[in-house]
Structures are given as structure tokens and as C-alpha cells.
N, C-alpha and C. Protein backbone atom coordinates (compact mmCIF):
# COMPACT_ATOMS: atom_id res chain seq x y z
N MET A 1 9.84 11.86 -1.97
CA MET A 1 8.87 12.07 -1.21
C MET A 1 8.43 13.20 -1.15
N LYS A 2 8.65 14.23 -2.21
CA LYS A 2 8.67 15.60 -2.25
C LYS A 2 7.10 15.69 -3.10
N LEU A 3 6.22 14.92 -3.54
CA LEU A 3 5.35 15.52 -4.42
C LEU A 3 4.58 16.38 -4.38
N TYR A 4 4.13 16.84 -2.94
CA TYR A 4 3.20 17.67 -2.59
C TYR A 4 3.88 18.88 -1.87
N GLY A 5 5.53 18.63 -1.33
CA GLY A 5 6.47 19.24 -1.42
C GLY A 5 5.84 19.58 0.48
N LYS A 6 6.07 20.80 1.05
CA LYS A 6 6.03 21.03 2.36
C LYS A 6 4.66 20.58 2.94
N ILE A 7 3.77 20.78 2.38
CA ILE A 7 2.40 20.16 3.18
C ILE A 7 2.52 19.05 3.11
N TYR A 8 2.74 18.10 1.70
CA TYR A 8 2.91 16.25 1.89
C TYR A 8 3.64 16.02 3.12
N MET A 9 4.98 17.31 3.38
CA MET A 9 5.92 16.50 4.00
C MET A 9 5.88 16.51 5.65
N TYR A 10 4.55 17.64 6.25
CA TYR A 10 3.87 18.01 7.36
C TYR A 10 3.13 16.96 7.80
N PHE A 11 2.45 16.65 6.71
CA PHE A 11 1.50 15.09 7.17
C PHE A 11 2.00 13.90 7.04
N VAL A 12 3.29 13.23 6.14
CA VAL A 12 3.94 12.38 6.37
C VAL A 12 5.04 12.17 7.47
N SER A 13 4.70 10.93 8.85
CA SER A 13 5.94 10.89 9.80
C SER A 13 6.95 10.59 9.24
N GLN A 14 7.58 11.03 9.84
CA GLN A 14 9.15 10.39 9.54
C GLN A 14 9.54 9.63 10.26
N ASP A 15 8.54 8.95 11.19
CA ASP A 15 9.34 7.79 11.87
C ASP A 15 8.25 6.80 11.04
N VAL A 16 8.79 6.18 10.00
CA VAL A 16 7.72 4.82 9.04
C VAL A 16 7.78 3.60 10.03
N ASN A 17 6.92 2.79 10.55
CA ASN A 17 6.92 1.28 10.92
C ASN A 17 5.97 0.19 10.11
N LEU A 18 5.99 -0.47 10.58
CA LEU A 18 5.39 -1.95 9.84
C LEU A 18 4.76 -2.46 10.67
N PRO A 19 3.93 -2.56 11.69
CA PRO A 19 3.25 -3.00 13.07
C PRO A 19 2.91 -4.48 12.14
N GLN A 20 2.84 -5.57 13.25
CA GLN A 20 1.76 -6.87 12.67
C GLN A 20 0.96 -6.81 13.67
N VAL A 21 -0.18 -6.80 13.14
CA VAL A 21 -1.34 -6.76 13.58
C VAL A 21 -1.77 -8.06 14.27
N ASN A 22 -1.67 -8.93 13.19
CA ASN A 22 -2.19 -10.80 13.63
C ASN A 22 -1.02 -11.70 12.99
N SER A 23 -1.20 -12.59 13.15
CA SER A 23 0.50 -13.15 12.11
C SER A 23 -0.13 -13.28 10.97
N ARG A 24 -1.31 -12.58 10.44
CA ARG A 24 -1.60 -12.49 8.65
C ARG A 24 -1.18 -10.86 8.22
N VAL A 25 -1.68 -9.89 9.39
CA VAL A 25 -1.66 -8.95 8.35
C VAL A 25 -0.79 -7.52 9.34
N TYR A 26 -0.48 -6.94 8.36
CA TYR A 26 0.65 -6.00 8.55
C TYR A 26 0.16 -5.06 7.85
N VAL A 27 0.74 -3.41 9.15
CA VAL A 27 0.35 -2.20 8.20
C VAL A 27 1.64 -1.23 8.04
N ALA A 28 1.96 -0.48 7.39
CA ALA A 28 2.46 0.21 6.92
C ALA A 28 2.15 1.87 7.24
N ILE A 29 2.74 2.18 8.00
CA ILE A 29 2.26 3.32 8.91
C ILE A 29 3.52 4.69 8.83
N GLY A 30 3.08 5.63 8.26
CA GLY A 30 3.96 6.75 8.11
C GLY A 30 5.01 7.23 6.64
N PHE A 31 4.59 6.13 5.76
CA PHE A 31 5.44 5.97 4.74
C PHE A 31 4.26 7.17 3.55
N ALA A 32 3.27 7.59 4.18
CA ALA A 32 2.70 7.87 3.23
C ALA A 32 1.09 9.37 3.82
N LEU A 33 0.29 9.80 2.79
CA LEU A 33 -0.18 10.11 4.14
C LEU A 33 -1.73 9.65 4.30
N ALA A 34 -1.74 8.32 3.84
CA ALA A 34 -2.64 7.19 4.24
C ALA A 34 -1.96 6.05 4.38
N ASN A 35 -2.47 4.64 5.41
CA ASN A 35 -1.82 3.66 5.45
C ASN A 35 -2.01 2.48 4.59
N SER A 36 -0.90 1.63 4.30
CA SER A 36 -1.50 0.66 3.46
C SER A 36 -1.43 -0.71 4.25
N ILE A 37 -2.43 -1.86 3.71
CA ILE A 37 -2.54 -3.02 4.92
C ILE A 37 -1.96 -4.07 4.29
N MET A 38 -1.10 -4.94 4.40
CA MET A 38 -0.92 -6.23 3.58
C MET A 38 -1.81 -7.64 4.59
N ILE A 39 -2.30 -8.18 3.80
CA ILE A 39 -3.11 -9.48 4.32
C ILE A 39 -2.23 -10.67 3.82
N ILE A 40 -1.74 -11.48 4.60
CA ILE A 40 -1.26 -12.33 3.99
C ILE A 40 -1.81 -13.79 3.85
N GLY A 41 -2.73 -14.36 2.64
CA GLY A 41 -3.17 -15.30 2.60
C GLY A 41 -2.26 -16.56 2.33
N ASP A 42 -2.97 -17.87 2.05
CA ASP A 42 -2.53 -19.16 1.91
C ASP A 42 -1.46 -19.24 0.36
N ASN A 43 -2.42 -18.30 -0.55
CA ASN A 43 -1.38 -18.39 -1.53
C ASN A 43 -0.78 -17.25 -2.13
N GLY A 44 -1.40 -16.33 -1.68
CA GLY A 44 -0.75 -14.91 -2.26
C GLY A 44 -1.02 -13.45 -1.03
N VAL A 45 -1.20 -12.58 -1.39
CA VAL A 45 -1.75 -11.11 -0.73
C VAL A 45 -2.36 -10.40 -1.13
N VAL A 46 -2.99 -9.90 -0.14
CA VAL A 46 -3.88 -8.66 -0.61
C VAL A 46 -3.22 -7.54 0.03
N ILE A 47 -3.66 -6.33 -0.58
CA ILE A 47 -2.86 -5.14 -0.77
C ILE A 47 -4.01 -4.20 -0.04
N VAL A 48 -4.06 -3.57 0.69
CA VAL A 48 -5.34 -2.56 1.20
C VAL A 48 -5.51 -1.12 1.20
N ASP A 49 -5.02 -0.34 0.03
CA ASP A 49 -4.70 1.05 -0.32
C ASP A 49 -3.32 0.63 -0.53
N VAL A 50 -2.96 2.00 -1.69
CA VAL A 50 -1.74 1.81 -1.94
C VAL A 50 -1.47 3.17 -2.21
N THR A 51 -1.73 3.86 -1.24
CA THR A 51 -1.56 5.86 -0.81
C THR A 51 -1.07 6.32 -2.28
N GLU A 52 -0.73 7.53 -1.97
CA GLU A 52 -0.86 8.53 -3.27
C GLU A 52 0.07 8.60 -4.22
N SER A 53 1.09 8.34 -3.77
CA SER A 53 2.36 8.59 -5.19
C SER A 53 3.00 6.84 -5.36
N LEU A 54 3.84 6.76 -6.44
CA LEU A 54 4.24 5.86 -7.01
C LEU A 54 5.88 5.67 -5.74
N GLU A 55 6.13 6.88 -5.73
CA GLU A 55 7.56 6.91 -4.80
C GLU A 55 6.88 6.50 -3.03
N ALA A 56 5.84 6.50 -2.64
CA ALA A 56 5.75 6.21 -1.27
C ALA A 56 5.48 4.66 -1.63
N ALA A 57 4.46 4.13 -2.69
CA ALA A 57 4.00 2.80 -2.62
C ALA A 57 5.40 1.92 -2.90
N ALA A 58 6.51 2.84 -3.86
CA ALA A 58 7.61 1.45 -3.78
C ALA A 58 8.00 1.68 -2.65
N GLU A 59 8.10 2.83 -1.55
CA GLU A 59 8.51 2.50 -0.50
C GLU A 59 8.12 1.35 0.18
N ILE A 60 6.78 1.10 0.55
CA ILE A 60 6.06 0.55 0.99
C ILE A 60 6.46 -1.08 0.09
N TYR A 61 6.25 -1.27 -0.87
CA TYR A 61 6.25 -2.25 -1.46
C TYR A 61 7.80 -2.81 -1.02
N GLU A 62 8.53 -2.42 -0.97
CA GLU A 62 9.86 -2.79 -0.37
C GLU A 62 9.70 -3.29 0.84
N ALA A 63 9.10 -2.74 1.70
CA ALA A 63 9.03 -2.81 3.57
C ALA A 63 8.01 -4.34 3.67
N PHE A 64 7.35 -4.56 2.54
CA PHE A 64 6.36 -5.52 2.61
C PHE A 64 6.95 -6.62 1.88
N ARG A 65 8.27 -6.40 1.50
CA ARG A 65 8.60 -7.45 0.76
C ARG A 65 9.48 -8.10 1.80
N THR A 66 10.34 -7.47 2.73
CA THR A 66 11.10 -7.60 3.69
C THR A 66 9.91 -9.03 4.32
N ILE A 67 8.88 -9.19 4.48
CA ILE A 67 8.20 -9.92 5.28
C ILE A 67 7.65 -11.24 4.98
N THR A 68 7.35 -11.23 3.48
CA THR A 68 6.70 -12.29 2.56
C THR A 68 7.16 -11.87 1.13
N THR A 69 7.44 -12.99 0.42
CA THR A 69 7.61 -12.55 -1.13
C THR A 69 6.67 -13.55 -1.66
N LYS A 70 5.56 -13.62 -1.23
CA LYS A 70 4.27 -14.76 -1.58
C LYS A 70 3.23 -13.17 -3.36
N PRO A 71 3.09 -14.00 -4.30
CA PRO A 71 2.71 -13.00 -4.98
C PRO A 71 1.78 -12.24 -4.70
N ILE A 72 1.45 -10.70 -4.94
CA ILE A 72 0.57 -9.83 -4.74
C ILE A 72 -0.50 -10.21 -5.51
N THR A 73 -1.79 -10.96 -5.17
CA THR A 73 -2.55 -11.24 -5.96
C THR A 73 -4.29 -10.27 -6.25
N ASP A 74 -4.32 -9.57 -5.64
CA ASP A 74 -5.48 -8.79 -4.91
C ASP A 74 -4.97 -7.10 -4.46
N ILE A 75 -5.60 -5.86 -5.16
CA ILE A 75 -5.42 -4.85 -4.35
C ILE A 75 -7.23 -4.50 -3.93
N ILE A 76 -7.30 -3.93 -2.96
CA ILE A 76 -8.62 -3.43 -2.24
C ILE A 76 -8.32 -1.90 -2.08
N TYR A 77 -9.24 -0.98 -2.84
CA TYR A 77 -9.35 0.48 -2.53
C TYR A 77 -10.65 0.73 -1.78
N THR A 78 -10.47 1.23 -0.66
CA THR A 78 -11.98 1.20 0.35
C THR A 78 -12.41 2.29 -0.02
N HIS A 79 -11.69 3.51 -0.64
CA HIS A 79 -12.62 4.44 -1.11
C HIS A 79 -11.59 5.09 -2.25
N ASN A 80 -12.25 6.14 -2.88
CA ASN A 80 -11.40 6.70 -4.56
C ASN A 80 -10.79 7.99 -4.12
N HIS A 81 -10.27 8.23 -2.75
CA HIS A 81 -9.35 9.31 -2.80
C HIS A 81 -7.82 9.03 -3.31
N ALA A 82 -7.43 10.16 -4.04
CA ALA A 82 -6.06 9.75 -4.62
C ALA A 82 -5.16 9.45 -3.49
N ASP A 83 -5.10 9.45 -2.23
CA ASP A 83 -4.40 8.78 -1.28
C ASP A 83 -4.22 7.91 -0.75
N HIS A 84 -5.35 7.14 -1.14
CA HIS A 84 -5.29 5.53 -1.90
C HIS A 84 -5.51 4.88 -2.55
N VAL A 85 -5.45 5.16 -4.15
CA VAL A 85 -5.38 4.91 -5.23
C VAL A 85 -4.04 5.06 -5.62
N ASN A 86 -4.00 5.97 -5.99
CA ASN A 86 -2.62 6.21 -6.79
C ASN A 86 -1.22 5.67 -6.88
N GLY A 87 -1.11 5.17 -6.09
CA GLY A 87 0.07 4.35 -5.82
C GLY A 87 0.14 2.70 -6.41
N ALA A 88 -1.24 2.64 -6.87
CA ALA A 88 -1.55 0.99 -7.40
C ALA A 88 -0.02 0.61 -8.60
N GLN A 89 -0.05 1.81 -9.83
CA GLN A 89 1.08 0.78 -10.60
C GLN A 89 2.35 0.20 -10.05
N VAL A 90 2.85 0.60 -9.13
CA VAL A 90 3.95 -0.20 -8.49
C VAL A 90 3.67 -1.78 -7.85
N PHE A 91 2.32 -1.83 -7.90
CA PHE A 91 1.84 -3.14 -6.99
C PHE A 91 1.77 -3.71 -8.37
N TYR A 92 1.13 -2.99 -9.31
CA TYR A 92 0.84 -3.88 -10.50
C TYR A 92 1.82 -3.85 -11.22
N ILE A 93 2.75 -3.22 -11.53
CA ILE A 93 3.90 -3.64 -12.59
C ILE A 93 5.02 -4.81 -12.11
N LYS A 94 5.09 -4.57 -9.97
CA LYS A 94 5.85 -6.01 -9.74
C LYS A 94 5.08 -7.52 -10.28
N TYR A 95 3.65 -7.35 -10.28
CA TYR A 95 2.70 -8.56 -10.12
C TYR A 95 1.39 -8.44 -11.17
N THR A 96 1.34 -9.86 -11.66
CA THR A 96 0.43 -9.81 -12.61
C THR A 96 -1.15 -9.97 -11.72
N LEU A 97 -1.66 -8.60 -10.94
CA LEU A 97 -2.79 -9.27 -10.08
C LEU A 97 -3.81 -9.93 -10.93
N LYS A 98 -4.93 -10.66 -9.87
CA LYS A 98 -5.92 -11.40 -9.92
C LYS A 98 -6.84 -10.56 -9.78
N GLN A 99 -6.98 -8.79 -9.60
CA GLN A 99 -8.47 -8.07 -9.49
C GLN A 99 -7.97 -7.11 -8.32
N PHE A 100 -8.61 -5.96 -9.30
CA PHE A 100 -8.54 -4.91 -7.94
C PHE A 100 -10.12 -4.65 -7.63
N ILE A 101 -10.25 -4.89 -6.25
CA ILE A 101 -11.37 -4.87 -5.24
C ILE A 101 -12.25 -3.57 -5.37
N TYR A 102 -13.11 -3.09 -5.53
CA TYR A 102 -13.77 -1.55 -5.07
C TYR A 102 -15.05 -1.42 -5.15
N HIS A 103 -15.72 -0.59 -4.70
CA HIS A 103 -17.04 -0.49 -5.16
C HIS A 103 -17.54 0.13 -6.36
N LYS A 104 -18.36 -0.48 -6.93
CA LYS A 104 -18.94 -0.34 -8.20
C LYS A 104 -19.21 1.57 -8.69
N LYS A 105 -19.01 2.04 -7.72
CA LYS A 105 -19.21 3.69 -8.00
C LYS A 105 -17.95 4.34 -8.26
N LEU A 106 -16.96 3.12 -7.60
CA LEU A 106 -15.54 4.00 -7.89
C LEU A 106 -14.81 3.92 -9.63
């Protein structure tokens, strides 16, 4: 996770965690510059924001997989900043997503 060198390491927490918000929602905190959210549905999983790098996204993917093995069906981008979208390839390669959800101006 040395993609951005010292600046990157300054902002990324050394203490990663995966708190449970409710019975179906978990947040990956400290893995990357932005947090990722996993929402577990009846037939699959939705990931909200996928961080800035493939390395961080891979760590988050593996952490989420310790909670559920349901297929990842959708990714939601909250906005188009690199720290929210660049890790999508990790989730895309692992599963055939049904859709990416984003604002039409992205």
C-alpha cells in the first residue's frame, strides 16, 4: 500500500477495522483513504465506493469475504473522486456485476 508514498501512509490508518452498522451493513475503515461499505441483500452484496487503489480494494474484498460469500452484484459510486472509484477492477474481476450505479454526470 505504498501507492502514494509517505502522504498515502499518513492518511491511511494503521488500525483497520470492519464495524457492523446493522445486521446487513459493514464498513471497511482504515484500509484506504476512503471507507468502503458492504450492504448484504437477500441475493447478493452491494459495495459502496471501492477506494483508490487495487491493493486497498483487494484487502477490503478479502475482509468482506470473511463476513459473506454472497455474490457482489452491484457497485455504487458516491462520486467520481479517485479514492472512491479506482479499486473497482478488483470487485469486477472477482464477480460478474449486474451494474455500476452512479450519477449520470460521472
